[in-house]
N, C-alpha and C. Protein backbone atom coordinates (compact mmCIF):
# COMPACT_ATOMS: atom_id res chain seq x y z
N MET A 1 3.61 -14.37 13.20
CA MET A 1 3.23 -13.36 13.89
C MET A 1 1.79 -13.02 14.27
N THR A 2 0.88 -12.15 15.13
CA THR A 2 0.40 -11.85 16.26
C THR A 2 -0.80 -11.22 15.89
N ASP A 3 -1.89 -11.33 16.39
CA ASP A 3 -3.34 -10.02 16.00
C ASP A 3 -3.30 -9.10 16.76
N THR A 4 -2.44 -9.08 17.47
CA THR A 4 -2.36 -7.35 18.20
C THR A 4 -2.14 -6.39 17.58
N ALA A 5 -3.46 -5.85 17.28
CA ALA A 5 -3.41 -4.12 16.22
C ALA A 5 -2.26 -3.19 16.12
N GLY A 6 -0.87 -2.97 16.24
CA GLY A 6 -0.09 -2.08 15.48
C GLY A 6 1.11 -2.98 16.56
N ALA A 7 0.98 -4.13 16.50
CA ALA A 7 2.62 -4.81 17.35
C ALA A 7 3.88 -5.07 16.65
N THR A 8 5.25 -4.49 16.91
CA THR A 8 5.71 -4.57 16.45
C THR A 8 6.42 -6.16 16.35
N GLU A 9 6.62 -7.06 15.61
CA GLU A 9 6.42 -8.03 15.57
C GLU A 9 7.79 -8.86 15.06
N THR A 10 8.82 -9.77 15.23
CA THR A 10 9.51 -9.91 15.00
C THR A 10 9.16 -11.92 14.63
N VAL A 11 10.34 -12.45 13.27
CA VAL A 11 9.94 -14.11 13.57
C VAL A 11 11.23 -14.09 13.44
N ASP A 12 11.60 -15.40 13.65
CA ASP A 12 13.18 -16.14 13.30
C ASP A 12 14.40 -15.27 13.13
N ASP A 13 14.10 -14.88 12.28
CA ASP A 13 15.57 -14.07 12.29
C ASP A 13 15.03 -12.71 10.69
N ARG A 14 13.76 -13.07 11.12
CA ARG A 14 13.02 -11.29 10.37
C ARG A 14 13.27 -10.50 10.89
N PRO A 15 13.33 -9.35 10.50
CA PRO A 15 12.82 -8.04 10.93
C PRO A 15 11.78 -7.86 11.80
N SER A 16 12.05 -6.99 12.35
CA SER A 16 10.65 -6.57 13.14
C SER A 16 9.83 -5.90 12.33
N TYR A 17 7.90 -6.16 12.14
CA TYR A 17 7.72 -5.47 11.47
C TYR A 17 6.52 -5.08 12.14
N ARG A 18 5.81 -3.50 12.14
CA ARG A 18 4.09 -2.80 12.49
C ARG A 18 3.45 -3.18 11.52
N ARG A 19 2.60 -3.47 11.80
CA ARG A 19 1.17 -3.27 11.36
C ARG A 19 0.52 -2.36 10.94
N MET A 20 0.07 -2.16 10.09
CA MET A 20 -0.69 -0.51 9.34
C MET A 20 -1.66 -0.94 8.82
N SER A 21 -2.22 0.00 8.35
CA SER A 21 -3.39 0.05 7.62
C SER A 21 -3.09 1.34 6.70
N ILE A 22 -4.14 1.05 5.39
CA ILE A 22 -3.93 2.36 4.48
C ILE A 22 -4.66 3.37 5.30
N TYR A 23 -4.45 4.33 5.43
CA TYR A 23 -5.06 5.30 6.35
C TYR A 23 -5.67 6.29 4.86
N GLY A 24 -5.22 6.63 3.93
CA GLY A 24 -5.60 7.28 2.77
C GLY A 24 -4.43 7.58 1.67
N PHE A 25 -5.39 9.12 1.26
CA PHE A 25 -4.17 9.28 -0.11
C PHE A 25 -4.81 10.63 -0.29
N ALA A 26 -3.30 11.48 -0.92
CA ALA A 26 -2.86 12.24 -0.20
C ALA A 26 -2.13 13.03 -1.77
N LEU A 27 -1.52 15.19 -1.98
CA LEU A 27 -0.95 15.08 -3.37
C LEU A 27 -0.39 15.82 -2.58
N ASP A 28 1.26 15.39 -2.82
CA ASP A 28 1.96 15.69 -1.97
C ASP A 28 2.26 17.64 -3.04
N SER A 29 1.81 18.49 -2.57
CA SER A 29 1.81 20.01 -3.54
C SER A 29 3.72 20.14 -4.05
N ILE A 30 4.50 20.29 -3.25
CA ILE A 30 5.55 20.20 -3.70
C ILE A 30 6.17 19.53 -4.95
N ALA A 31 6.33 17.64 -4.45
CA ALA A 31 6.76 17.10 -5.82
C ALA A 31 5.52 16.26 -6.69
N HIS A 32 4.23 17.11 -6.36
CA HIS A 32 3.70 17.13 -7.24
C HIS A 32 3.22 16.13 -7.42
N MET A 33 3.09 14.49 -6.70
CA MET A 33 2.68 13.11 -6.90
C MET A 33 2.26 12.49 -5.63
N PRO A 34 1.83 11.65 -6.10
CA PRO A 34 0.14 11.18 -5.48
C PRO A 34 0.93 10.88 -3.79
N VAL A 35 0.95 10.71 -2.93
CA VAL A 35 1.00 9.94 -1.77
C VAL A 35 -0.30 8.83 -1.12
N VAL A 36 0.54 7.80 -0.61
CA VAL A 36 -0.17 6.92 0.03
C VAL A 36 0.15 6.98 1.88
N ILE A 37 -1.06 7.01 2.38
CA ILE A 37 -0.50 7.81 4.33
C ILE A 37 -0.73 6.11 5.00
N LEU A 38 -0.04 5.17 4.95
CA LEU A 38 -0.13 4.05 5.80
C LEU A 38 0.17 4.69 7.73
N LYS A 39 -1.21 4.01 8.70
CA LYS A 39 -1.42 4.61 10.05
C LYS A 39 -1.25 3.41 10.83
N ASP A 40 -0.38 3.26 12.00
CA ASP A 40 -0.84 1.81 12.51
C ASP A 40 -2.03 2.34 13.60
N ALA A 41 -2.30 0.79 13.81
CA ALA A 41 -3.72 1.68 14.91
C ALA A 41 -4.31 2.46 16.10
N GLU A 42 -2.70 2.49 16.77
CA GLU A 42 -3.28 3.99 17.24
C GLU A 42 -2.80 5.25 16.53
N GLU A 43 -2.72 5.60 15.32
CA GLU A 43 -2.12 7.05 14.82
C GLU A 43 -1.31 7.67 15.82
N ALA A 44 -0.65 6.54 15.93
CA ALA A 44 0.63 7.14 16.40
C ALA A 44 1.75 7.26 15.84
N ASN A 45 2.13 6.93 14.35
CA ASN A 45 2.81 6.34 13.33
C ASN A 45 2.50 6.49 12.32
N THR A 46 3.08 7.71 11.25
CA THR A 46 2.60 7.46 10.14
C THR A 46 3.64 7.36 9.10
N LEU A 47 3.26 7.21 8.03
CA LEU A 47 4.32 6.44 6.94
C LEU A 47 3.67 7.01 5.74
N PRO A 48 4.22 7.61 5.02
CA PRO A 48 3.73 8.08 3.70
C PRO A 48 4.53 7.79 2.51
N LEU A 49 4.24 6.93 1.43
CA LEU A 49 4.80 6.25 0.44
C LEU A 49 4.43 7.47 -0.98
N TRP A 50 5.15 7.46 -1.58
CA TRP A 50 5.17 8.63 -2.81
C TRP A 50 5.09 7.29 -4.11
N LEU A 51 3.77 8.08 -4.87
CA LEU A 51 4.10 6.45 -6.09
C LEU A 51 4.16 7.76 -7.57
N SER A 52 4.20 7.04 -8.02
CA SER A 52 4.48 7.21 -9.12
C SER A 52 3.01 7.75 -9.92
N SER A 53 3.06 8.82 -11.29
CA SER A 53 1.65 9.11 -11.10
C SER A 53 0.74 7.68 -11.78
N THR A 54 1.40 6.86 -12.77
CA THR A 54 1.33 5.53 -13.13
C THR A 54 1.01 4.60 -12.41
N ASP A 55 1.36 4.10 -11.48
CA ASP A 55 1.19 3.30 -10.14
C ASP A 55 -0.07 4.41 -9.94
N ALA A 56 -0.19 5.39 -9.63
CA ALA A 56 -1.19 5.72 -8.70
C ALA A 56 -2.61 5.71 -10.06
N LEU A 57 -2.46 5.93 -11.22
CA LEU A 57 -3.86 5.87 -11.90
C LEU A 57 -3.91 4.32 -12.37
N SER A 58 -2.51 3.22 -11.93
CA SER A 58 -2.97 1.81 -12.16
C SER A 58 -4.03 1.08 -10.54
N MET A 59 -3.18 1.87 -9.78
CA MET A 59 -4.31 1.76 -8.33
C MET A 59 -5.48 2.00 -8.79
N VAL A 60 -5.59 3.25 -9.23
CA VAL A 60 -7.08 3.54 -9.71
C VAL A 60 -7.66 2.18 -9.97
N ALA A 61 -7.56 2.27 -11.23
CA ALA A 61 -7.59 1.74 -12.16
C ALA A 61 -7.98 0.32 -12.10
N GLU A 62 -7.27 -0.12 -11.07
CA GLU A 62 -7.64 -1.70 -11.27
C GLU A 62 -8.38 -1.89 -9.67
N LEU A 63 -8.99 -1.19 -8.62
CA LEU A 63 -9.97 -1.41 -7.61
C LEU A 63 -11.08 -0.80 -8.19
N VAL A 64 -11.26 0.55 -9.09
CA VAL A 64 -12.48 0.47 -9.66
C VAL A 64 -12.38 -0.73 -10.83
N ARG A 65 -12.23 -1.31 -11.35
CA ARG A 65 -12.10 -3.32 -12.27
C ARG A 65 -12.77 -3.78 -11.09
N ASN A 66 -12.39 -3.36 -9.87
CA ASN A 66 -12.54 -4.61 -8.90
C ASN A 66 -14.12 -3.98 -8.54
N ASP A 67 -13.85 -3.17 -8.54
CA ASP A 67 -15.44 -2.35 -8.18
C ASP A 67 -16.22 -3.07 -9.26
N ALA A 68 -16.38 -2.77 -10.26
CA ALA A 68 -17.22 -3.28 -11.07
C ALA A 68 -17.22 -4.98 -11.83
N SER A 69 -16.06 -5.25 -11.77
CA SER A 69 -16.21 -7.47 -11.25
C SER A 69 -16.80 -7.31 -10.43
N ALA A 70 -17.10 -7.01 -9.02
CA ALA A 70 -17.60 -7.51 -8.13
C ALA A 70 -18.80 -7.83 -8.66
N LYS A 71 -19.68 -6.53 -8.98
CA LYS A 71 -21.33 -6.37 -9.55
C LYS A 71 -21.50 -7.89 -10.55
N SER A 72 -20.12 -8.32 -10.65
CA SER A 72 -20.66 -9.97 -12.10
C SER A 72 -20.03 -10.76 -11.20
N ASP A 73 -20.12 -12.38 -11.56
CA ASP A 73 -19.51 -12.90 -11.23
C ASP A 73 -18.08 -13.73 -11.42
N ARG A 74 -17.91 -12.99 -12.10
CA ARG A 74 -16.09 -13.41 -12.23
C ARG A 74 -15.43 -13.04 -11.37
N LYS A 75 -14.70 -13.41 -11.24
CA LYS A 75 -13.07 -13.29 -10.78
C LYS A 75 -12.23 -12.40 -11.44
N ASP A 76 -11.28 -11.65 -10.96
CA ASP A 76 -10.04 -11.41 -11.33
C ASP A 76 -9.29 -12.48 -11.37
N LEU A 77 -7.56 -12.76 -12.41
CA LEU A 77 -6.99 -13.08 -12.49
C LEU A 77 -6.48 -13.88 -11.47
N LEU A 78 -5.94 -13.54 -10.38
CA LEU A 78 -5.11 -13.38 -9.14
C LEU A 78 -6.24 -13.83 -8.35
N ALA A 79 -7.98 -13.28 -8.18
CA ALA A 79 -8.38 -14.36 -7.79
C ALA A 79 -8.84 -15.46 -7.78
N ALA A 80 -8.56 -15.90 -9.08
CA ALA A 80 -9.66 -16.76 -10.17
C ALA A 80 -7.73 -17.94 -10.04
N LEU A 81 -6.82 -17.30 -10.13
CA LEU A 81 -5.23 -18.24 -9.57
C LEU A 81 -5.39 -19.45 -8.45
N LEU A 82 -5.56 -17.46 -7.53
CA LEU A 82 -4.99 -18.00 -5.71
C LEU A 82 -6.63 -19.11 -5.37
N ALA A 83 -7.62 -19.08 -6.07
CA ALA A 83 -8.50 -20.32 -5.89
C ALA A 83 -8.46 -21.35 -6.41
N HIS A 84 -8.07 -22.05 -7.53
CA HIS A 84 -6.96 -22.89 -8.04
C HIS A 84 -6.45 -23.23 -7.34
N LEU A 85 -4.96 -23.03 -7.05
CA LEU A 85 -4.13 -23.17 -6.21
C LEU A 85 -4.43 -23.43 -4.86
N GLY A 86 -6.38 -23.05 -4.19
CA GLY A 86 -6.74 -23.35 -3.06
C GLY A 86 -5.59 -22.42 -1.54
N THR A 87 -5.39 -21.47 -2.34
CA THR A 87 -4.55 -20.29 -1.08
C THR A 87 -5.26 -19.47 -1.16
N GLU A 88 -4.68 -17.95 -0.51
CA GLU A 88 -5.29 -16.39 -0.37
C GLU A 88 -3.97 -16.40 0.23
N VAL A 89 -4.08 -14.49 -0.42
CA VAL A 89 -2.83 -14.04 0.20
C VAL A 89 -3.03 -13.76 2.08
N ALA A 90 -1.96 -14.11 2.55
CA ALA A 90 -1.41 -14.24 4.05
C ALA A 90 -1.03 -13.01 4.56
N GLU A 91 0.12 -12.03 3.32
CA GLU A 91 0.17 -11.40 4.46
C GLU A 91 0.81 -10.04 2.80
N ILE A 92 0.49 -8.62 3.58
CA ILE A 92 1.26 -7.77 2.63
C ILE A 92 2.42 -6.67 3.63
N ALA A 93 3.37 -6.79 2.78
CA ALA A 93 4.48 -6.26 3.41
C ALA A 93 5.65 -5.47 2.63
N ILE A 94 5.66 -4.24 3.26
CA ILE A 94 6.38 -2.85 3.10
C ILE A 94 7.83 -3.64 3.28
N ASP A 95 8.90 -3.65 2.75
CA ASP A 95 10.05 -4.55 3.48
C ASP A 95 11.37 -3.44 3.46
N ASP A 96 11.75 -2.73 2.82
CA ASP A 96 12.40 -1.79 2.91
C ASP A 96 12.59 -0.96 1.65
N MET A 97 13.32 0.63 1.96
CA MET A 97 13.60 1.52 0.94
C MET A 97 15.31 1.74 0.73
N LYS A 98 15.52 1.90 -0.77
CA LYS A 98 16.99 2.25 -0.94
C LYS A 98 16.51 2.99 -1.96
N GLU A 99 17.36 4.37 -2.02
CA GLU A 99 17.50 5.49 -2.90
C GLU A 99 16.21 5.66 -3.23
N GLY A 100 15.36 5.56 -2.12
CA GLY A 100 14.06 6.15 -2.44
C GLY A 100 13.24 5.22 -3.01
N LEU A 101 13.67 3.89 -3.58
CA LEU A 101 12.74 3.17 -3.85
C LEU A 101 12.23 2.05 -3.19
N VAL A 102 10.70 1.57 -2.96
CA VAL A 102 9.80 1.25 -1.82
C VAL A 102 10.17 -0.32 -2.39
N THR A 103 10.48 -1.78 -2.06
CA THR A 103 10.27 -2.34 -2.16
C THR A 103 9.18 -3.41 -1.04
N ALA A 104 8.21 -3.95 -2.08
CA ALA A 104 6.85 -4.74 -1.90
C ALA A 104 6.89 -6.12 -1.40
N SER A 105 6.05 -6.88 -0.73
CA SER A 105 6.15 -7.92 -1.14
C SER A 105 4.68 -9.10 -0.79
N VAL A 106 4.27 -9.77 -1.32
CA VAL A 106 2.96 -10.71 -0.42
C VAL A 106 3.47 -12.20 -0.48
N SER A 107 2.94 -12.31 0.95
CA SER A 107 3.10 -13.54 1.18
C SER A 107 2.08 -14.57 0.90
N LEU A 108 1.62 -15.75 0.46
CA LEU A 108 1.05 -16.80 0.45
C LEU A 108 1.25 -17.86 1.04
N GLU A 109 0.13 -19.07 1.64
CA GLU A 109 0.42 -19.83 2.15
C GLU A 109 -0.03 -20.85 1.04
N LEU A 110 0.75 -21.95 0.17
CA LEU A 110 0.62 -22.73 -0.03
C LEU A 110 1.14 -23.93 0.03
N ASN A 111 0.18 -25.14 0.12
CA ASN A 111 0.67 -26.08 0.95
C ASN A 111 1.62 -26.50 2.06
N GLY A 112 0.82 -25.85 3.22
CA GLY A 112 1.76 -25.50 4.06
C GLY A 112 3.12 -24.89 3.90
N GLU A 113 3.28 -23.97 2.89
CA GLU A 113 4.61 -23.16 3.35
C GLU A 113 4.35 -22.22 3.05
N MET A 114 5.16 -21.16 3.26
CA MET A 114 4.99 -19.67 2.95
C MET A 114 6.17 -19.40 1.51
N VAL A 115 5.38 -18.57 1.23
CA VAL A 115 5.80 -18.81 -0.49
C VAL A 115 5.33 -16.55 -0.45
N LYS A 116 6.88 -16.08 -0.40
CA LYS A 116 7.09 -14.70 -0.58
C LYS A 116 7.58 -14.33 -2.26
N LEU A 117 6.71 -13.20 -2.22
CA LEU A 117 6.72 -12.80 -4.00
C LEU A 117 7.03 -11.20 -3.86
N GLY A 118 7.63 -10.68 -4.29
CA GLY A 118 8.57 -9.57 -4.50
C GLY A 118 7.88 -8.73 -5.42
N VAL A 119 6.39 -7.39 -5.11
CA VAL A 119 5.37 -7.58 -6.07
C VAL A 119 5.89 -5.31 -6.25
N ARG A 120 5.26 -5.06 -7.19
CA ARG A 120 5.29 -3.29 -7.11
C ARG A 120 4.82 -2.56 -6.20
N THR A 121 4.93 -1.85 -4.91
CA THR A 121 4.57 -1.65 -4.14
C THR A 121 2.78 -0.68 -4.65
N SER A 122 2.87 -0.52 -5.59
CA SER A 122 0.84 -0.34 -6.05
C SER A 122 0.16 -1.63 -5.81
N GLU A 123 0.91 -2.21 -6.45
CA GLU A 123 0.06 -3.86 -6.55
C GLU A 123 -0.18 -4.49 -5.15
N ALA A 124 1.28 -4.30 -4.28
CA ALA A 124 0.60 -4.50 -2.85
C ALA A 124 -0.09 -3.71 -2.18
N LEU A 125 -0.65 -2.22 -2.14
CA LEU A 125 -1.37 -1.95 -1.70
C LEU A 125 -2.73 -1.93 -2.42
N VAL A 126 -3.04 -1.94 -3.75
CA VAL A 126 -4.12 -2.58 -3.88
C VAL A 126 -4.54 -4.05 -3.44
N LEU A 127 -3.65 -4.59 -3.28
CA LEU A 127 -4.22 -6.54 -2.82
C LEU A 127 -4.28 -5.93 -0.97
N ALA A 128 -3.94 -5.22 -0.83
CA ALA A 128 -4.19 -4.94 0.94
C ALA A 128 -5.81 -4.23 0.85
N LEU A 129 -5.71 -3.50 0.19
CA LEU A 129 -7.62 -2.79 -0.12
C LEU A 129 -8.07 -3.97 -0.57
N LYS A 130 -8.16 -4.62 -1.38
CA LYS A 130 -9.14 -5.33 -1.76
C LYS A 130 -9.21 -7.05 -0.83
N HIS A 131 -8.27 -7.37 -0.19
CA HIS A 131 -8.24 -8.16 1.16
C HIS A 131 -8.81 -7.84 2.26
N SER A 132 -8.77 -6.36 2.22
CA SER A 132 -8.87 -5.94 3.56
C SER A 132 -7.90 -6.89 4.30
N LEU A 133 -6.47 -6.41 4.37
CA LEU A 133 -5.44 -6.52 4.57
C LEU A 133 -4.59 -5.13 5.54
N PRO A 134 -4.18 -5.72 6.93
CA PRO A 134 -3.30 -4.56 6.92
C PRO A 134 -1.80 -4.86 6.43
N VAL A 135 -1.08 -3.49 6.67
CA VAL A 135 0.22 -3.72 5.92
C VAL A 135 1.14 -3.75 6.53
N MET A 136 2.30 -5.05 6.28
CA MET A 136 3.53 -5.04 7.61
C MET A 136 4.15 -3.82 7.37
N VAL A 137 5.00 -3.29 7.58
CA VAL A 137 5.50 -2.47 7.33
C VAL A 137 7.59 -2.57 8.53
N ALA A 138 8.29 -2.76 7.60
CA ALA A 138 9.35 -3.11 8.61
C ALA A 138 9.84 -1.96 9.17
N SER A 139 10.13 -2.19 10.69
CA SER A 139 9.84 -1.50 11.65
C SER A 139 11.29 -0.20 11.23
N ARG A 140 12.54 -0.82 10.54
CA ARG A 140 13.13 0.55 10.74
C ARG A 140 12.64 1.55 9.50
N LEU A 141 12.17 0.97 8.38
CA LEU A 141 11.55 2.32 7.62
C LEU A 141 10.58 3.65 8.89
N LEU A 142 10.21 3.04 9.69
CA LEU A 142 9.26 3.72 10.94
C LEU A 142 10.50 4.49 11.19
N GLU A 143 11.39 3.74 11.38
CA GLU A 143 12.30 4.95 12.19
C GLU A 143 13.37 5.81 12.06
N ASP A 144 13.46 5.55 10.35
CA ASP A 144 14.45 6.48 9.19
C ASP A 144 13.39 7.49 8.66
N SER A 145 11.80 7.27 8.66
CA SER A 145 11.01 8.48 8.07
C SER A 145 11.17 9.60 9.03
N PRO A 146 11.47 10.50 8.55
CA PRO A 146 10.81 12.15 9.51
C PRO A 146 8.97 12.16 9.75
N LEU A 147 8.87 11.53 8.64
CA LEU A 147 6.99 11.87 8.81
C LEU A 147 6.62 10.83 9.76
N ALA A 148 7.51 9.68 10.88
CA ALA A 148 6.99 8.72 10.96
C ALA A 148 5.84 9.14 12.14
N SER A 149 6.62 9.89 12.82
CA SER A 149 5.40 10.05 14.42
C SER A 149 5.24 11.25 14.49
N GLY A 150 4.77 11.49 15.62
CA GLY A 150 4.47 12.93 16.05
C GLY A 150 3.37 13.53 15.24
N ASP A 151 3.76 15.06 15.02
CA ASP A 151 2.31 15.54 14.89
C ASP A 151 1.93 15.25 13.20
N SER A 152 2.99 14.91 12.66
CA SER A 152 3.00 14.68 11.27
C SER A 152 1.54 15.00 10.33
N GLY A 153 0.98 13.53 11.03
CA GLY A 153 -0.37 13.15 10.61
C GLY A 153 -0.94 14.93 9.96
N GLU A 154 -0.82 15.66 10.91
CA GLU A 154 -2.09 17.51 11.21
C GLU A 154 -1.08 17.88 9.62
N ARG A 155 -0.32 17.62 8.83
CA ARG A 155 0.28 18.39 7.28
C ARG A 155 -0.85 17.61 6.19
N PHE A 156 -1.35 16.06 6.65
CA PHE A 156 -2.50 16.08 5.51
C PHE A 156 -3.63 16.41 5.99
N THR A 157 -4.22 17.09 5.24
CA THR A 157 -6.16 17.71 5.35
C THR A 157 -7.05 16.73 4.80
N LYS A 158 -8.02 16.92 4.71
CA LYS A 158 -9.54 16.96 4.05
C LYS A 158 -8.98 17.39 2.63
N LEU A 159 -8.37 18.75 2.22
CA LEU A 159 -8.17 19.63 1.88
C LEU A 159 -7.00 18.80 0.82
N ASP A 160 -6.06 18.27 0.82
CA ASP A 160 -5.18 17.40 0.78
C ASP A 160 -5.98 16.16 -0.16
N GLU A 161 -6.21 15.82 0.89
CA GLU A 161 -7.42 14.15 -0.17
C GLU A 161 -8.00 15.22 -1.39
N ARG A 162 -8.77 15.56 -1.01
CA ARG A 162 -9.51 16.44 -1.98
C ARG A 162 -8.87 17.34 -3.50
N ARG A 163 -7.46 17.50 -2.88
CA ARG A 163 -6.76 18.20 -4.12
C ARG A 163 -5.68 15.98 -5.31
N PHE A 164 -5.94 15.88 -4.40
CA PHE A 164 -5.35 14.03 -4.83
C PHE A 164 -6.68 13.58 -5.62
N VAL A 165 -7.97 13.62 -5.37
CA VAL A 165 -9.15 13.50 -6.19
C VAL A 165 -9.08 14.10 -6.53
N ASP A 166 -9.37 15.53 -7.11
CA ASP A 166 -9.41 15.88 -8.22
C ASP A 166 -7.90 16.16 -9.58
N PHE A 167 -7.07 15.72 -8.90
CA PHE A 167 -5.84 15.46 -9.59
C PHE A 167 -6.06 14.41 -10.23
N LEU A 168 -6.18 13.42 -10.35
CA LEU A 168 -6.71 11.79 -10.53
C LEU A 168 -8.27 12.20 -12.16
N GLU A 169 -8.44 12.96 -11.62
CA GLU A 169 -9.72 13.22 -11.80
C GLU A 169 -9.49 14.01 -13.47
N ASN A 170 -8.29 15.23 -13.43
CA ASN A 170 -8.24 15.84 -13.85
C ASN A 170 -7.04 15.31 -14.80
N LEU A 171 -6.37 14.22 -14.64
CA LEU A 171 -5.57 14.31 -15.02
C LEU A 171 -5.67 13.42 -16.71
N ASP A 172 -4.91 14.18 -17.38
CA ASP A 172 -4.77 13.56 -18.97
C ASP A 172 -3.86 12.59 -19.72
N PRO A 173 -4.04 11.79 -19.79
CA PRO A 173 -3.20 10.80 -20.37
C PRO A 173 -1.85 10.53 -20.72
N ALA A 174 -2.08 12.11 -21.98
CA ALA A 174 -0.81 12.36 -21.63
C ALA A 174 0.31 13.19 -21.42
N ASP A 175 -0.44 13.38 -20.27
CA ASP A 175 0.73 14.20 -19.26
C ASP A 175 1.50 13.65 -18.61
N LEU A 176 1.81 12.59 -18.11
CA LEU A 176 2.19 11.25 -17.80
C LEU A 176 3.59 11.47 -17.89
N GLY A 177 4.53 11.78 -18.72
CA GLY A 177 5.15 12.21 -19.16
C GLY A 177 6.04 13.09 -18.76
N LYS A 178 5.39 14.17 -18.70
CA LYS A 178 5.65 15.32 -17.86
C LYS A 178 6.23 14.95 -16.54
N TYR A 179 5.40 14.54 -15.86
CA TYR A 179 5.38 14.50 -14.18
C TYR A 179 6.90 13.40 -14.00
N PRO A 180 7.79 13.90 -12.92
CA PRO A 180 8.32 13.33 -11.97
C PRO A 180 8.17 11.82 -11.77
N MET A 181 9.26 10.87 -12.19
CA MET A 181 8.63 9.62 -12.16
C MET A 181 9.93 9.16 -11.67
């Protein structure tokens, strides 16, 4: 892997990946689902990732909990486990999308060996935010996404961001079963 921002990278027989970062959150007004928006450094490519309401609430809860625990000396379970093993998160990746389901992974360097773990997309995104890491996105996902490039970034506005925040603030846990997953 290289440190070039936004670069497409290929290692051995691995597919190429594009370095992206979490740009923001929105609410898809048609599907009524939260969307995480990834962009590359040049903001030339955009990849929206739709999340279930449960995953979105899980992300928010984890980030709020992480913020609260940062004010104390206690580490969360993963941080304590990584410290005990003498490793840290090396890479966050969005690897594939099949039938609308996104697969993500987290790579750790442990005893000089890279260990890749399959995780839920929301867990990978939370780790990227907590550890200030880029998200490596398989280039073929950008090629297949109708919103990956061009002026698609204009579809998500400050109003969309505000609507997503309002959605999360006003979401009643009893309503979780009524939204499509």
